[in-house]
Amino acid sequence: IATACDVDESVLRTRVSDIERRTGRKPSAVTDF
């Protein structure tokens, strides 16, 4: 998972943390698809 995208920055932060915890890698985060 290279990038997570969500217009809601609070949801985006949560999802990035979830991905990092599960995969050991932190994806980039963007709000614009």
PDB file of all heavy atoms in Angstrom:
ATOM      1  N   ILE A   1       0.874  -1.176   0.000  1.00  0.00           N
ATOM      2  CA  ILE A   1       0.000   0.000   0.000  1.00  0.00           C
ATOM      3  C   ILE A   1       0.909   1.222   0.000  1.00  0.00           C
ATOM      4  O   ILE A   1       1.579   1.513   0.991  1.00  0.00           O
ATOM      5  CB  ILE A   1      -0.935   0.000   1.222  1.00  0.00           C
ATOM      6  CG1 ILE A   1      -1.823  -1.245   1.200  1.00  0.00           C
ATOM      7  CG2 ILE A   1      -1.763   1.286   1.244  1.00  0.00           C
ATOM      8  CD1 ILE A   1      -2.654  -1.421   2.447  1.00  0.00           C
ATOM      9  N   ALA A   2       0.937   1.917  -1.118  1.00  0.00           N
ATOM     10  CA  ALA A   2       1.842   3.045  -1.279  1.00  0.00           C
ATOM     11  C   ALA A   2       1.253   4.347  -0.759  1.00  0.00           C
ATOM     12  O   ALA A   2       1.958   5.175  -0.178  1.00  0.00           O
ATOM     13  CB  ALA A   2       2.209   3.210  -2.746  1.00  0.00           C
ATOM     14  N   THR A   3      -0.059   4.529  -0.967  1.00  0.00           N
ATOM     15  CA  THR A   3      -0.699   5.797  -0.637  1.00  0.00           C
ATOM     16  C   THR A   3      -2.109   5.549  -0.134  1.00  0.00           C
ATOM     17  O   THR A   3      -2.823   4.708  -0.673  1.00  0.00           O
ATOM     18  CB  THR A   3      -0.773   6.711  -1.883  1.00  0.00           C
ATOM     19  OG1 THR A   3       0.554   6.898  -2.395  1.00  0.00           O
ATOM     20  CG2 THR A   3      -1.383   8.050  -1.569  1.00  0.00           C
ATOM     21  N   ALA A   4      -2.489   6.304   0.873  1.00  0.00           N
ATOM     22  CA  ALA A   4      -3.875   6.305   1.344  1.00  0.00           C
ATOM     23  C   ALA A   4      -4.452   7.667   0.996  1.00  0.00           C
ATOM     24  O   ALA A   4      -3.763   8.690   1.077  1.00  0.00           O
ATOM     25  CB  ALA A   4      -3.944   6.067   2.845  1.00  0.00           C
ATOM     26  N   CYS A   5      -5.722   7.678   0.606  1.00  0.00           N
ATOM     27  CA  CYS A   5      -6.358   8.915   0.182  1.00  0.00           C
ATOM     28  C   CYS A   5      -7.746   9.024   0.802  1.00  0.00           C
ATOM     29  O   CYS A   5      -8.549   8.091   0.711  1.00  0.00           O
ATOM     30  CB  CYS A   5      -6.455   8.950  -1.341  1.00  0.00           C
ATOM     31  SG  CYS A   5      -7.231  10.441  -1.999  1.00  0.00           S
ATOM     32  N   ASP A   6      -8.016  10.149   1.436  1.00  0.00           N
ATOM     33  CA  ASP A   6      -9.347  10.436   1.983  1.00  0.00           C
ATOM     34  C   ASP A   6      -9.466  11.942   2.130  1.00  0.00           C
ATOM     35  O   ASP A   6      -8.499  12.606   2.507  1.00  0.00           O
ATOM     36  CB  ASP A   6      -9.534   9.755   3.344  1.00  0.00           C
ATOM     37  CG  ASP A   6     -11.002   9.658   3.733  1.00  0.00           C
ATOM     38  OD1 ASP A   6     -11.643  10.731   3.887  1.00  0.00           O
ATOM     39  OD2 ASP A   6     -11.500   8.544   3.872  1.00  0.00           O
ATOM     40  N   VAL A   7     -10.622  12.481   1.841  1.00  0.00           N
ATOM     41  CA  VAL A   7     -10.809  13.925   1.971  1.00  0.00           C
ATOM     42  C   VAL A   7     -10.872  14.356   3.433  1.00  0.00           C
ATOM     43  O   VAL A   7     -10.568  15.501   3.753  1.00  0.00           O
ATOM     44  CB  VAL A   7     -12.070  14.424   1.230  1.00  0.00           C
ATOM     45  CG1 VAL A   7     -11.922  14.216  -0.265  1.00  0.00           C
ATOM     46  CG2 VAL A   7     -13.320  13.775   1.755  1.00  0.00           C
ATOM     47  N   ASP A   8     -11.230  13.451   4.316  1.00  0.00           N
ATOM     48  CA  ASP A   8     -11.314  13.746   5.746  1.00  0.00           C
ATOM     49  C   ASP A   8      -9.959  13.434   6.381  1.00  0.00           C
ATOM     50  O   ASP A   8      -9.572  12.273   6.520  1.00  0.00           O
ATOM     51  CB  ASP A   8     -12.417  12.900   6.381  1.00  0.00           C
ATOM     52  CG  ASP A   8     -12.670  13.234   7.827  1.00  0.00           C
ATOM     53  OD1 ASP A   8     -11.714  13.668   8.531  1.00  0.00           O
ATOM     54  OD2 ASP A   8     -13.815  13.055   8.281  1.00  0.00           O
ATOM     55  N   GLU A   9      -9.229  14.472   6.772  1.00  0.00           N
ATOM     56  CA  GLU A   9      -7.876  14.282   7.275  1.00  0.00           C
ATOM     57  C   GLU A   9      -7.819  13.455   8.556  1.00  0.00           C
ATOM     58  O   GLU A   9      -6.850  12.720   8.774  1.00  0.00           O
ATOM     59  CB  GLU A   9      -7.197  15.630   7.470  1.00  0.00           C
ATOM     60  CG  GLU A   9      -6.892  16.306   6.142  1.00  0.00           C
ATOM     61  CD  GLU A   9      -6.163  17.619   6.297  1.00  0.00           C
ATOM     62  OE1 GLU A   9      -5.790  17.995   7.430  1.00  0.00           O
ATOM     63  OE2 GLU A   9      -5.951  18.283   5.267  1.00  0.00           O
ATOM     64  N   SER A  10      -8.851  13.527   9.393  1.00  0.00           N
ATOM     65  CA  SER A  10      -8.832  12.722  10.618  1.00  0.00           C
ATOM     66  C   SER A  10      -8.997  11.243  10.290  1.00  0.00           C
ATOM     67  O   SER A  10      -8.335  10.389  10.886  1.00  0.00           O
ATOM     68  CB  SER A  10      -9.897  13.194  11.610  1.00  0.00           C
ATOM     69  OG  SER A  10     -11.190  12.993  11.092  1.00  0.00           O
ATOM     70  N   VAL A  11      -9.853  10.922   9.337  1.00  0.00           N
ATOM     71  CA  VAL A  11     -10.000   9.537   8.889  1.00  0.00           C
ATOM     72  C   VAL A  11      -8.704   9.076   8.229  1.00  0.00           C
ATOM     73  O   VAL A  11      -8.236   7.959   8.467  1.00  0.00           O
ATOM     74  CB  VAL A  11     -11.194   9.385   7.911  1.00  0.00           C
ATOM     75  CG1 VAL A  11     -11.210   8.008   7.272  1.00  0.00           C
ATOM     76  CG2 VAL A  11     -12.494   9.684   8.617  1.00  0.00           C
ATOM     77  N   LEU A  12      -8.116   9.919   7.430  1.00  0.00           N
ATOM     78  CA  LEU A  12      -6.879   9.592   6.733  1.00  0.00           C
ATOM     79  C   LEU A  12      -5.766   9.263   7.721  1.00  0.00           C
ATOM     80  O   LEU A  12      -5.062   8.258   7.558  1.00  0.00           O
ATOM     81  CB  LEU A  12      -6.478  10.751   5.820  1.00  0.00           C
ATOM     82  CG  LEU A  12      -5.233  10.569   4.974  1.00  0.00           C
ATOM     83  CD1 LEU A  12      -5.355   9.360   4.065  1.00  0.00           C
ATOM     84  CD2 LEU A  12      -4.982  11.830   4.155  1.00  0.00           C
ATOM     85  N   ARG A  13      -5.595  10.076   8.749  1.00  0.00           N
ATOM     86  CA  ARG A  13      -4.570   9.810   9.766  1.00  0.00           C
ATOM     87  C   ARG A  13      -4.794   8.462  10.433  1.00  0.00           C
ATOM     88  O   ARG A  13      -3.853   7.683  10.641  1.00  0.00           O
ATOM     89  CB  ARG A  13      -4.546  10.918  10.812  1.00  0.00           C
ATOM     90  CG  ARG A  13      -3.846  12.175  10.367  1.00  0.00           C
ATOM     91  CD  ARG A  13      -3.643  13.134  11.529  1.00  0.00           C
ATOM     92  NE  ARG A  13      -4.898  13.588  12.118  1.00  0.00           N
ATOM     93  CZ  ARG A  13      -5.599  14.631  11.699  1.00  0.00           C
ATOM     94  NH1 ARG A  13      -5.164  15.342  10.681  1.00  0.00           N
ATOM     95  NH2 ARG A  13      -6.721  14.978  12.298  1.00  0.00           N
ATOM     96  N   THR A  14      -6.052   8.161  10.749  1.00  0.00           N
ATOM     97  CA  THR A  14      -6.374   6.885  11.389  1.00  0.00           C
ATOM     98  C   THR A  14      -6.034   5.721  10.472  1.00  0.00           C
ATOM     99  O   THR A  14      -5.445   4.721  10.897  1.00  0.00           O
ATOM    100  CB  THR A  14      -7.862   6.842  11.775  1.00  0.00           C
ATOM    101  OG1 THR A  14      -8.140   7.920  12.666  1.00  0.00           O
ATOM    102  CG2 THR A  14      -8.225   5.530  12.425  1.00  0.00           C
ATOM    103  N   ARG A  15      -6.406   5.820   9.203  1.00  0.00           N
ATOM    104  CA  ARG A  15      -6.152   4.731   8.256  1.00  0.00           C
ATOM    105  C   ARG A  15      -4.657   4.536   8.017  1.00  0.00           C
ATOM    106  O   ARG A  15      -4.185   3.400   7.903  1.00  0.00           O
ATOM    107  CB  ARG A  15      -6.866   4.978   6.926  1.00  0.00           C
ATOM    108  CG  ARG A  15      -8.358   4.970   7.040  1.00  0.00           C
ATOM    109  CD  ARG A  15      -8.883   3.638   7.572  1.00  0.00           C
ATOM    110  NE  ARG A  15     -10.203   3.825   8.119  1.00  0.00           N
ATOM    111  CZ  ARG A  15     -10.533   3.646   9.394  1.00  0.00           C
ATOM    112  NH1 ARG A  15      -9.638   3.241  10.265  1.00  0.00           N
ATOM    113  NH2 ARG A  15     -11.755   3.844   9.816  1.00  0.00           N
ATOM    114  N   VAL A  16      -3.908   5.627   7.924  1.00  0.00           N
ATOM    115  CA  VAL A  16      -2.460   5.519   7.740  1.00  0.00           C
ATOM    116  C   VAL A  16      -1.845   4.799   8.943  1.00  0.00           C
ATOM    117  O   VAL A  16      -1.004   3.916   8.787  1.00  0.00           O
ATOM    118  CB  VAL A  16      -1.820   6.908   7.527  1.00  0.00           C
ATOM    119  CG1 VAL A  16      -0.310   6.857   7.675  1.00  0.00           C
ATOM    120  CG2 VAL A  16      -2.193   7.455   6.148  1.00  0.00           C
ATOM    121  N   SER A  17      -2.292   5.139  10.136  1.00  0.00           N
ATOM    122  CA  SER A  17      -1.803   4.459  11.344  1.00  0.00           C
ATOM    123  C   SER A  17      -2.161   2.983  11.324  1.00  0.00           C
ATOM    124  O   SER A  17      -1.329   2.124  11.685  1.00  0.00           O
ATOM    125  CB  SER A  17      -2.379   5.114  12.597  1.00  0.00           C
ATOM    126  OG  SER A  17      -1.910   6.419  12.734  1.00  0.00           O
ATOM    127  N   ASP A  18      -3.391   2.668  10.925  1.00  0.00           N
ATOM    128  CA  ASP A  18      -3.821   1.266  10.832  1.00  0.00           C
ATOM    129  C   ASP A  18      -2.948   0.486   9.852  1.00  0.00           C
ATOM    130  O   ASP A  18      -2.517  -0.640  10.136  1.00  0.00           O
ATOM    131  CB  ASP A  18      -5.279   1.159  10.379  1.00  0.00           C
ATOM    132  CG  ASP A  18      -6.280   1.640  11.404  1.00  0.00           C
ATOM    133  OD1 ASP A  18      -5.903   1.796  12.591  1.00  0.00           O
ATOM    134  OD2 ASP A  18      -7.445   1.878  11.017  1.00  0.00           O
ATOM    135  N   ILE A  19      -2.695   1.067   8.697  1.00  0.00           N
ATOM    136  CA  ILE A  19      -1.885   0.405   7.671  1.00  0.00           C
ATOM    137  C   ILE A  19      -0.466   0.192   8.174  1.00  0.00           C
ATOM    138  O   ILE A  19       0.108  -0.891   8.027  1.00  0.00           O
ATOM    139  CB  ILE A  19      -1.896   1.216   6.354  1.00  0.00           C
ATOM    140  CG1 ILE A  19      -3.295   1.226   5.741  1.00  0.00           C
ATOM    141  CG2 ILE A  19      -0.860   0.673   5.367  1.00  0.00           C
ATOM    142  CD1 ILE A  19      -3.485   2.266   4.655  1.00  0.00           C
ATOM    143  N   GLU A  20       0.091   1.214   8.802  1.00  0.00           N
ATOM    144  CA  GLU A  20       1.458   1.097   9.311  1.00  0.00           C
ATOM    145  C   GLU A  20       1.557   0.012  10.389  1.00  0.00           C
ATOM    146  O   GLU A  20       2.498  -0.786  10.407  1.00  0.00           O
ATOM    147  CB  GLU A  20       1.932   2.433   9.870  1.00  0.00           C
ATOM    148  CG  GLU A  20       3.371   2.414  10.340  1.00  0.00           C
ATOM    149  CD  GLU A  20       3.856   3.761  10.823  1.00  0.00           C
ATOM    150  OE1 GLU A  20       3.015   4.603  11.214  1.00  0.00           O
ATOM    151  OE2 GLU A  20       5.080   3.962  10.817  1.00  0.00           O
ATOM    152  N   ARG A  21       0.588  -0.040  11.272  1.00  0.00           N
ATOM    153  CA  ARG A  21       0.582  -1.045  12.336  1.00  0.00           C
ATOM    154  C   ARG A  21       0.491  -2.457  11.752  1.00  0.00           C
ATOM    155  O   ARG A  21       1.169  -3.368  12.209  1.00  0.00           O
ATOM    156  CB  ARG A  21      -0.583  -0.785  13.293  1.00  0.00           C
ATOM    157  CG  ARG A  21      -0.564  -1.670  14.541  1.00  0.00           C
ATOM    158  CD  ARG A  21      -1.712  -1.380  15.492  1.00  0.00           C
ATOM    159  NE  ARG A  21      -2.958  -1.982  15.011  1.00  0.00           N
ATOM    160  CZ  ARG A  21      -3.966  -1.335  14.445  1.00  0.00           C
ATOM    161  NH1 ARG A  21      -3.917  -0.033  14.289  1.00  0.00           N
ATOM    162  NH2 ARG A  21      -5.043  -1.965  14.032  1.00  0.00           N
ATOM    163  N   ARG A  22      -0.317  -2.636  10.731  1.00  0.00           N
ATOM    164  CA  ARG A  22      -0.529  -3.974  10.165  1.00  0.00           C
ATOM    165  C   ARG A  22       0.565  -4.423   9.207  1.00  0.00           C
ATOM    166  O   ARG A  22       0.837  -5.609   9.080  1.00  0.00           O
ATOM    167  CB  ARG A  22      -1.872  -4.027   9.450  1.00  0.00           C
ATOM    168  CG  ARG A  22      -3.029  -3.931  10.406  1.00  0.00           C
ATOM    169  CD  ARG A  22      -4.335  -3.917   9.681  1.00  0.00           C
ATOM    170  NE  ARG A  22      -5.425  -3.703  10.629  1.00  0.00           N
ATOM    171  CZ  ARG A  22      -6.650  -4.098  10.427  1.00  0.00           C
ATOM    172  NH1 ARG A  22      -6.977  -4.716   9.308  1.00  0.00           N
ATOM    173  NH2 ARG A  22      -7.575  -3.877  11.323  1.00  0.00           N
ATOM    174  N   THR A  23       1.183  -3.476   8.496  1.00  0.00           N
ATOM    175  CA  THR A  23       2.156  -3.855   7.471  1.00  0.00           C
ATOM    176  C   THR A  23       3.594  -3.521   7.843  1.00  0.00           C
ATOM    177  O   THR A  23       4.518  -4.027   7.200  1.00  0.00           O
ATOM    178  CB  THR A  23       1.842  -3.149   6.135  1.00  0.00           C
ATOM    179  OG1 THR A  23       2.056  -1.732   6.281  1.00  0.00           O
ATOM    180  CG2 THR A  23       0.433  -3.439   5.667  1.00  0.00           C
ATOM    181  N   GLY A  24       3.769  -2.647   8.815  1.00  0.00           N
ATOM    182  CA  GLY A  24       5.118  -2.210   9.164  1.00  0.00           C
ATOM    183  C   GLY A  24       5.647  -1.116   8.259  1.00  0.00           C
ATOM    184  O   GLY A  24       6.780  -0.675   8.400  1.00  0.00           O
ATOM    185  N   ARG A  25       4.843  -0.670   7.323  1.00  0.00           N
ATOM    186  CA  ARG A  25       5.225   0.414   6.399  1.00  0.00           C
ATOM    187  C   ARG A  25       4.181   1.519   6.452  1.00  0.00           C
ATOM    188  O   ARG A  25       2.987   1.246   6.430  1.00  0.00           O
ATOM    189  CB  ARG A  25       5.313  -0.091   4.970  1.00  0.00           C
ATOM    190  CG  ARG A  25       6.422  -1.063   4.743  1.00  0.00           C
ATOM    191  CD  ARG A  25       6.443  -1.465   3.292  1.00  0.00           C
ATOM    192  NE  ARG A  25       7.532  -2.386   3.050  1.00  0.00           N
ATOM    193  CZ  ARG A  25       8.284  -2.354   1.975  1.00  0.00           C
ATOM    194  NH1 ARG A  25       8.039  -1.472   1.030  1.00  0.00           N
ATOM    195  NH2 ARG A  25       9.254  -3.220   1.818  1.00  0.00           N
ATOM    196  N   LYS A  26       4.666   2.743   6.474  1.00  0.00           N
ATOM    197  CA  LYS A  26       3.758   3.887   6.508  1.00  0.00           C
ATOM    198  C   LYS A  26       3.547   4.401   5.083  1.00  0.00           C
ATOM    199  O   LYS A  26       4.493   4.837   4.422  1.00  0.00           O
ATOM    200  CB  LYS A  26       4.331   5.004   7.376  1.00  0.00           C
ATOM    201  CG  LYS A  26       3.412   6.177   7.529  1.00  0.00           C
ATOM    202  CD  LYS A  26       4.002   7.202   8.476  1.00  0.00           C
ATOM    203  CE  LYS A  26       3.028   8.358   8.662  1.00  0.00           C
ATOM    204  NZ  LYS A  26       3.563   9.329   9.608  1.00  0.00           N
ATOM    205  N   PRO A  27       2.304   4.362   4.600  1.00  0.00           N
ATOM    206  CA  PRO A  27       2.043   4.883   3.253  1.00  0.00           C
ATOM    207  C   PRO A  27       2.018   6.409   3.264  1.00  0.00           C
ATOM    208  O   PRO A  27       1.834   7.031   4.314  1.00  0.00           O
ATOM    209  CB  PRO A  27       0.654   4.334   2.935  1.00  0.00           C
ATOM    210  CG  PRO A  27      -0.008   4.222   4.263  1.00  0.00           C
ATOM    211  CD  PRO A  27       1.084   3.848   5.233  1.00  0.00           C
ATOM    212  N   SER A  28       2.205   6.998   2.102  1.00  0.00           N
ATOM    213  CA  SER A  28       2.003   8.439   2.000  1.00  0.00           C
ATOM    214  C   SER A  28       0.509   8.707   2.150  1.00  0.00           C
ATOM    215  O   SER A  28      -0.317   7.803   1.998  1.00  0.00           O
ATOM    216  CB  SER A  28       2.525   8.977   0.672  1.00  0.00           C
ATOM    217  OG  SER A  28       1.815   8.432  -0.410  1.00  0.00           O
ATOM    218  N   ALA A  29       0.174   9.945   2.450  1.00  0.00           N
ATOM    219  CA  ALA A  29      -1.227  10.312   2.678  1.00  0.00           C
ATOM    220  C   ALA A  29      -1.565  11.539   1.849  1.00  0.00           C
ATOM    221  O   ALA A  29      -0.832  12.524   1.867  1.00  0.00           O
ATOM    222  CB  ALA A  29      -1.461  10.589   4.160  1.00  0.00           C
ATOM    223  N   VAL A  30      -2.672  11.449   1.108  1.00  0.00           N
ATOM    224  CA  VAL A  30      -3.131  12.581   0.297  1.00  0.00           C
ATOM    225  C   VAL A  30      -4.633  12.756   0.465  1.00  0.00           C
ATOM    226  O   VAL A  30      -5.352  11.794   0.734  1.00  0.00           O
ATOM    227  CB  VAL A  30      -2.788  12.411  -1.204  1.00  0.00           C
ATOM    228  CG1 VAL A  30      -1.294  12.389  -1.422  1.00  0.00           C
ATOM    229  CG2 VAL A  30      -3.420  11.185  -1.794  1.00  0.00           C
ATOM    230  N   THR A  31      -5.084  13.978   0.311  1.00  0.00           N
ATOM    231  CA  THR A  31      -6.521  14.258   0.398  1.00  0.00           C
ATOM    232  C   THR A  31      -7.137  14.491  -0.977  1.00  0.00           C
ATOM    233  O   THR A  31      -8.349  14.621  -1.089  1.00  0.00           O
ATOM    234  CB  THR A  31      -6.795  15.489   1.281  1.00  0.00           C
ATOM    235  OG1 THR A  31      -6.070  16.600   0.759  1.00  0.00           O
ATOM    236  CG2 THR A  31      -6.383  15.228   2.724  1.00  0.00           C
ATOM    237  N   ASP A  32      -6.319  14.530  -1.999  1.00  0.00           N
ATOM    238  CA  ASP A  32      -6.798  14.788  -3.355  1.00  0.00           C
ATOM    239  C   ASP A  32      -6.530  13.558  -4.234  1.00  0.00           C
ATOM    240  O   ASP A  32      -5.375  13.217  -4.501  1.00  0.00           O
ATOM    241  CB  ASP A  32      -6.073  16.006  -3.930  1.00  0.00           C
ATOM    242  CG  ASP A  32      -6.617  16.463  -5.267  1.00  0.00           C
ATOM    243  OD1 ASP A  32      -7.229  15.653  -5.996  1.00  0.00           O
ATOM    244  OD2 ASP A  32      -6.417  17.636  -5.607  1.00  0.00           O
ATOM    245  N   PHE A  33      -7.588  12.905  -4.665  1.00  0.00           N
ATOM    246  CA  PHE A  33      -7.476  11.675  -5.458  1.00  0.00           C
ATOM    247  C   PHE A  33      -6.681  11.884  -6.739  1.00  0.00           C
ATOM    248  O   PHE A  33      -6.024  10.966  -7.232  1.00  0.00           O
ATOM    249  CB  PHE A  33      -8.880  11.156  -5.775  1.00  0.00           C
ATOM    250  CG  PHE A  33      -8.906   9.845  -6.498  1.00  0.00           C
ATOM    251  CD1 PHE A  33      -8.448   8.687  -5.891  1.00  0.00           C
ATOM    252  CD2 PHE A  33      -9.391   9.762  -7.785  1.00  0.00           C
ATOM    253  CE1 PHE A  33      -8.473   7.468  -6.559  1.00  0.00           C
ATOM    254  CE2 PHE A  33      -9.421   8.548  -8.460  1.00  0.00           C
ATOM    255  CZ  PHE A  33      -8.954   7.400  -7.843  1.00  0.00           C
TER     256      PHE A  33
END
